[in-house]
Protein backbone atom coordinates (compact mmCIF):
# COMPACT_ATOMS: atom_id res chain seq x y z
CA MET A 1 150.39 39.60 40.61
CA GLY A 2 150.43 41.31 43.73
CA ASP A 3 153.03 41.97 46.59
CA LYS A 4 153.31 38.55 48.34
CA ASN A 5 154.11 40.32 51.47
CA GLU A 6 151.31 42.91 51.16
CA LYS A 7 149.48 43.16 54.17
CA PRO A 8 145.94 43.17 54.34
CA THR A 9 144.29 46.93 55.73
CA PHE A 10 143.27 47.30 58.97
CA ALA A 11 140.88 50.10 60.53
CA ARG A 12 142.93 51.21 63.71
CA MET A 13 140.83 51.78 66.87
CA LYS A 14 142.01 54.55 68.98
CA THR A 15 143.34 54.09 72.69
CA GLN A 16 141.75 55.03 76.02
CA PRO A 17 142.99 55.22 79.38
CA ASP A 18 141.47 53.46 82.11
CA MET A 19 140.45 54.75 85.51
CA SER A 20 144.47 53.80 86.34
CA GLY A 21 145.97 56.10 83.29
CA THR A 22 147.31 53.38 81.94
CA ALA A 23 146.63 53.21 77.98
CA LEU A 24 144.59 49.95 76.87
CA GLN A 25 145.65 47.81 74.59
CA THR A 26 145.04 48.99 70.90
CA GLU A 27 141.67 47.00 68.49
CA PHE A 28 142.87 46.24 65.11
CA VAL A 29 139.46 45.99 63.25
CA PRO A 30 140.33 44.46 59.33
CA LEU A 31 138.31 46.72 57.22
CA SER A 32 137.59 43.81 54.46
CA VAL A 33 134.80 42.35 57.94
CA ILE A 34 133.46 46.01 58.23
CA ARG A 35 132.42 45.86 54.04
CA ILE A 36 131.55 42.54 54.45
CA LEU A 37 128.96 43.40 57.57
CA GLY A 38 127.82 46.79 55.55
CA LYS A 39 127.06 44.22 52.42
CA LYS A 40 124.92 42.10 54.00
CA LEU A 41 123.69 44.79 55.56
CA VAL A 42 122.42 46.75 52.43
CA LEU A 43 121.31 43.51 50.90
CA GLN A 44 118.67 42.30 53.89
CA LEU A 45 118.18 46.07 53.68
CA LYS A 46 116.70 45.63 50.39
CA ALA A 47 115.22 41.80 50.74
CA PHE A 48 113.02 43.09 53.15
CA PHE A 49 111.36 46.41 51.29
CA PHE A 50 111.10 44.25 47.88
CA THR A 51 109.10 41.68 50.49
CA MET A 52 107.02 44.46 51.17
CA GLN A 53 106.51 45.60 48.11
CA GLU A 54 105.10 42.23 46.94
CA PHE A 55 103.09 41.55 50.10
CA PHE A 56 100.95 45.31 49.28
CA LEU A 57 101.01 44.41 45.65
CA PHE A 58 99.41 40.89 47.03
CA SER A 59 97.05 42.19 48.93
CA ALA A 60 96.11 44.93 46.86
CA ARG A 61 94.91 42.00 44.15
CA ALA A 62 93.44 40.48 46.86
CA PHE A 63 91.00 43.93 47.87
CA LEU A 64 90.07 44.17 44.02
CA SER A 65 89.67 40.59 44.02
CA PHE A 66 86.16 41.21 45.07
CA PRO A 67 83.84 41.90 42.17
CA LYS A 68 84.73 37.78 41.86
CA MET A 69 83.22 36.88 45.06
CA ILE A 70 79.49 35.85 42.74
CA ARG A 71 81.86 33.48 41.24
CA TYR A 72 83.33 32.02 43.27
CA TRP A 73 80.40 32.25 46.43
CA ARG A 74 80.70 28.10 47.05
CA ASP A 75 84.78 28.65 47.93
CA VAL A 76 83.64 31.79 50.88
CA LEU A 77 81.01 29.05 52.41
CA ASP A 78 83.64 26.49 52.44
CA GLN A 79 86.41 29.04 53.90
CA ALA A 80 83.79 30.46 56.07
CA THR A 81 83.24 27.06 57.69
CA ILE A 82 86.87 26.72 57.88
CA CYS A 83 86.94 30.31 60.02
CA GLY A 84 84.18 30.01 61.25
CA THR A 85 81.88 26.86 62.47
CA ASP A 86 85.51 24.82 62.72
CA SER A 87 86.99 27.52 65.41
CA ILE A 88 84.15 28.05 67.94
CA PRO A 89 85.72 25.33 70.15
CA ILE A 90 88.73 27.03 70.12
CA VAL A 91 87.55 30.20 70.44
CA LEU A 92 85.20 29.03 73.58
CA VAL A 93 88.27 27.32 75.50
CA SER A 94 90.18 30.14 75.96
CA SER A 95 87.81 32.76 76.47
CA ILE A 96 85.92 31.06 78.98
CA SER A 97 89.43 30.02 80.85
CA ILE A 98 90.57 33.55 80.66
CA GLY A 99 87.06 35.16 82.38
CA ALA A 100 87.38 33.10 84.59
CA LEU A 101 90.20 33.90 85.57
CA LEU A 102 90.47 37.55 85.17
CA ALA A 103 87.29 36.92 88.04
CA ILE A 104 89.45 35.20 90.04
CA GLU A 105 92.85 37.98 90.45
CA VAL A 106 90.46 40.82 90.32
CA GLY A 107 88.13 40.10 92.51
CA ASN A 108 91.58 38.70 95.36
CA LEU A 109 93.21 42.58 94.23
CA LEU A 110 89.16 44.11 94.74
CA GLU A 111 88.52 42.72 97.65
CA ASP A 112 92.30 43.83 99.47
CA PHE A 113 90.60 47.08 99.03
CA GLY A 114 86.74 46.68 99.64
CA ALA A 115 86.08 46.79 96.10
CA LYS A 116 84.24 43.92 94.89
CA THR A 117 81.07 44.89 93.63
CA MET A 118 82.82 46.53 90.86
CA LEU A 119 84.81 42.98 89.38
CA GLY A 120 81.66 42.79 87.12
CA ARG A 121 82.37 46.51 85.67
CA SER A 122 86.69 45.70 85.41
CA THR A 123 86.22 42.33 83.91
CA ALA A 124 83.49 43.53 81.57
CA LEU A 125 85.85 46.56 79.68
CA SER A 126 88.60 43.89 79.97
CA VAL A 127 86.73 40.95 78.24
CA ILE A 128 84.97 43.15 75.49
CA ARG A 129 87.84 46.10 74.73
CA GLU A 130 90.91 43.32 75.11
CA LEU A 131 91.06 39.90 75.96
CA GLY A 132 88.02 38.63 73.98
CA PRO A 133 88.99 40.13 70.27
CA LEU A 134 93.05 39.69 71.33
CA LEU A 135 92.40 35.82 72.48
CA MET A 136 90.27 34.96 68.89
CA GLY A 137 92.74 36.52 66.87
CA LEU A 138 95.37 35.21 68.28
CA MET A 139 93.60 31.77 68.29
CA LEU A 140 93.14 32.60 64.75
CA SER A 141 96.14 33.58 63.53
CA ALA A 142 97.87 29.94 65.31
CA ARG A 143 94.54 28.04 63.54
CA PHE A 144 93.17 29.16 60.42
CA GLY A 145 96.56 31.08 59.79
CA SER A 146 98.60 28.33 60.14
CA ARG A 147 95.85 25.62 57.29
CA ASN A 148 96.25 28.51 55.19
CA GLY A 149 99.80 28.47 55.16
CA ALA A 150 100.31 25.37 54.70
CA GLU A 151 98.02 24.54 52.71
CA LEU A 152 98.72 27.49 50.45
CA GLY A 153 102.36 26.45 50.19
CA ALA A 154 101.96 22.46 49.58
CA MET A 155 99.77 23.85 46.47
CA GLN A 156 102.55 25.34 45.86
CA ILE A 157 105.79 23.43 45.91
CA SER A 158 103.29 20.68 43.79
CA GLU A 159 103.23 23.77 40.76
CA GLN A 160 98.84 23.44 41.48
CA ILE A 161 99.31 27.59 41.32
CA ASP A 162 101.07 27.81 37.86
CA ALA A 163 98.20 25.20 36.79
CA LEU A 164 95.60 27.64 38.25
CA ARG A 165 97.69 30.26 35.86
CA ALA A 166 98.42 28.05 32.68
CA PHE A 167 94.84 27.15 33.10
CA GLY A 168 93.75 31.24 32.91
CA THR A 169 92.42 31.40 36.52
CA ASP A 170 93.15 34.33 38.57
CA PRO A 171 95.03 32.33 42.27
CA VAL A 172 94.23 35.54 44.07
CA ALA A 173 91.35 35.20 42.89
CA LYS A 174 90.09 32.02 43.58
CA LEU A 175 92.50 30.28 46.67
CA VAL A 176 93.11 34.22 48.55
CA MET A 177 89.87 35.93 48.76
CA PRO A 178 87.63 33.54 49.22
CA ARG A 179 89.82 33.67 52.32
CA LEU A 180 89.41 36.98 53.00
CA VAL A 181 85.41 37.20 52.60
CA ALA A 182 85.06 34.65 55.03
CA ALA A 183 87.27 36.18 57.90
CA LEU A 184 85.81 39.30 57.22
CA ILE A 185 82.14 37.89 57.88
CA MET A 186 83.51 35.40 60.47
CA PHE A 187 85.75 37.16 62.64
CA LEU A 188 82.41 39.42 63.36
CA PRO A 189 80.45 37.16 65.80
CA LEU A 190 83.18 34.71 66.94
CA THR A 191 83.98 37.71 68.33
CA ALA A 192 80.75 38.34 69.92
CA LEU A 193 81.13 35.11 70.84
CA SER A 194 84.06 34.93 72.76
CA ASP A 195 83.01 38.07 74.58
CA TYR A 196 80.37 37.17 75.61
CA ALA A 197 82.08 33.42 77.17
CA GLY A 198 84.56 35.16 79.30
CA LEU A 199 81.79 37.20 80.94
CA HIS A 200 79.82 34.40 81.45
CA SER A 201 82.44 32.39 83.33
CA ALA A 202 83.25 35.64 84.96
CA ALA A 203 80.49 35.53 86.27
CA TYR A 204 79.80 32.47 87.40
CA MET A 205 83.23 32.42 89.19
CA ALA A 206 82.04 35.59 90.54
CA GLU A 207 79.00 34.01 91.79
CA HIS A 208 80.75 30.59 93.15
CA TYR A 209 84.34 32.12 94.14
CA HIS A 210 83.69 35.34 95.23
CA ARG A 211 79.99 34.71 96.41
CA LEU A 212 79.61 37.54 94.80
CA ASP A 213 75.60 37.67 94.46
CA PRO A 214 74.95 38.10 90.19
CA GLY A 215 72.15 41.01 90.32
CA ILE A 216 75.74 42.69 91.78
CA PHE A 217 78.08 41.47 89.41
CA TRP A 218 75.58 42.42 85.70
CA ASN A 219 74.37 45.46 87.60
CA SER A 220 78.09 47.48 87.47
CA VAL A 221 78.84 45.57 83.89
CA TYR A 222 75.43 47.41 81.72
CA PRO A 223 74.71 50.50 82.94
CA ARG A 224 79.29 51.69 82.92
CA LEU A 225 79.27 50.22 79.30
CA ALA A 226 80.31 53.04 77.10
CA PRO A 227 79.81 52.72 72.43
CA LYS A 228 82.92 53.13 73.03
CA ASP A 229 83.52 49.55 74.49
CA PHE A 230 81.47 48.06 71.69
CA VAL A 231 83.40 49.82 68.76
CA VAL A 232 87.00 49.20 69.98
CA GLY A 233 86.34 46.09 70.77
CA PHE A 234 84.61 44.65 67.57
CA LEU A 235 86.69 47.19 64.86
CA LYS A 236 89.26 44.88 65.88
CA ALA A 237 87.90 42.28 64.21
CA PRO A 238 88.79 42.67 60.70
CA VAL A 239 91.55 43.98 61.27
CA PHE A 240 92.25 40.92 62.68
CA ALA A 241 90.85 39.39 59.17
CA ILE A 242 92.67 41.10 57.28
CA ILE A 243 96.13 40.54 58.69
CA ILE A 244 96.00 36.99 60.05
CA THR A 245 94.80 36.05 55.82
CA LEU A 246 97.23 38.32 53.28
CA VAL A 247 100.43 37.23 55.66
CA SER A 248 99.24 34.06 55.92
CA SER A 249 98.30 33.40 51.97
CA PHE A 250 101.29 36.00 51.17
CA ASN A 251 103.69 33.13 52.85
CA GLY A 252 102.39 30.28 51.66
CA PHE A 253 102.17 31.89 47.87
CA ALA A 254 105.99 32.11 48.35
CA ALA A 255 106.97 28.85 49.87
CA ARG A 256 110.27 27.36 48.08
CA GLY A 257 111.87 24.44 48.70
CA GLY A 258 109.60 20.94 49.23
CA THR A 259 108.21 20.50 52.60
CA ALA A 260 110.65 21.83 54.47
CA GLY A 261 109.78 25.20 52.98
CA VAL A 262 106.27 24.88 53.78
CA GLY A 263 106.98 24.39 57.10
CA ARG A 264 109.12 27.85 57.18
CA SER A 265 106.66 29.29 55.42
CA THR A 266 103.94 28.06 57.78
CA ILE A 267 105.93 28.96 60.67
CA LYS A 268 106.93 32.30 59.68
CA GLY A 269 102.51 33.11 58.65
CA ILE A 270 102.17 32.29 62.60
CA VAL A 271 104.78 34.78 63.53
CA VAL A 272 104.46 37.47 61.87
CA SER A 273 100.33 38.12 61.83
CA SER A 274 100.38 36.99 65.81
CA GLY A 275 103.38 39.95 65.92
CA LEU A 276 101.11 42.03 63.45
CA VAL A 277 98.12 41.70 66.04
CA LEU A 278 99.41 42.68 69.10
CA ILE A 279 100.92 45.98 67.10
CA ALA A 280 97.66 46.23 65.49
CA ASN A 281 95.89 45.72 68.81
CA PHE A 282 97.14 48.37 70.75
CA TYR A 283 97.04 51.07 67.53
CA VAL A 284 93.06 50.55 67.13
CA SER A 285 92.82 50.69 71.04
CA LYS A 286 94.79 53.53 71.49
CA LEU A 287 93.41 55.81 68.65
CA VAL A 288 89.29 54.93 69.15
CA LEU A 289 89.95 55.87 72.72
CA GLU A 290 91.41 59.12 72.01
CA ASN A 291 89.06 60.04 69.83
CA MET A 292 85.80 58.84 71.12
């Protein structure tokens, strides 16, 4: 038994005089609080690195399952319909809206400098390099990624994934690989569709809002586009496909705690994949534009 009069140990912070020369009051922080905060930080770091390790192993298993694509070709076609054909409306709505808005705002700015004829070039570079692929990635992160997280999370908590393992089926090859292959195939045409819709909505607004001749608009687009403009835009599609599919599927497989756990894993997958899409968008643009 310890001494009842024993007092807790404190870490004393040095006193410092204020502007008038008067010493400030000394503050004491219990060492136990510092130890608890340190242990929590260590546990959070361990959990983060463990999650990263599990994610990279999960991703490696998904890529190594590509040879089984022939066995699950029907699943690949089903997922291609879900992430491709069914996603066309939301991609068109977002691209048309941002293309029209970009033409209005950039046109107003260029008109102040008497450079309205450069509206086509400015809009084309913005849409093809950045806005087209980025909008497509964010929309599919919300639509396709949320579906993956919710569907796989529901299968996880209902023990359907464990049943697949019990019957000798690799759940990653059966559930994740078809989604990854379908996303890699379909994200490229969706990016092209997003660019097309954004450019034509911008051309429409340039003609009817800024009274700019369509020939002037398109003549400032085609001769000025370089191969690197298309490379930087279309290279983002497979990168976004890998990020969205693997992050959402991994969070679905990690769902725990009933229907509330499915909701948490789905939201986490959307938030993380959207953030990684924005980061990848910056680095892909930077690397391609600096090296081409």
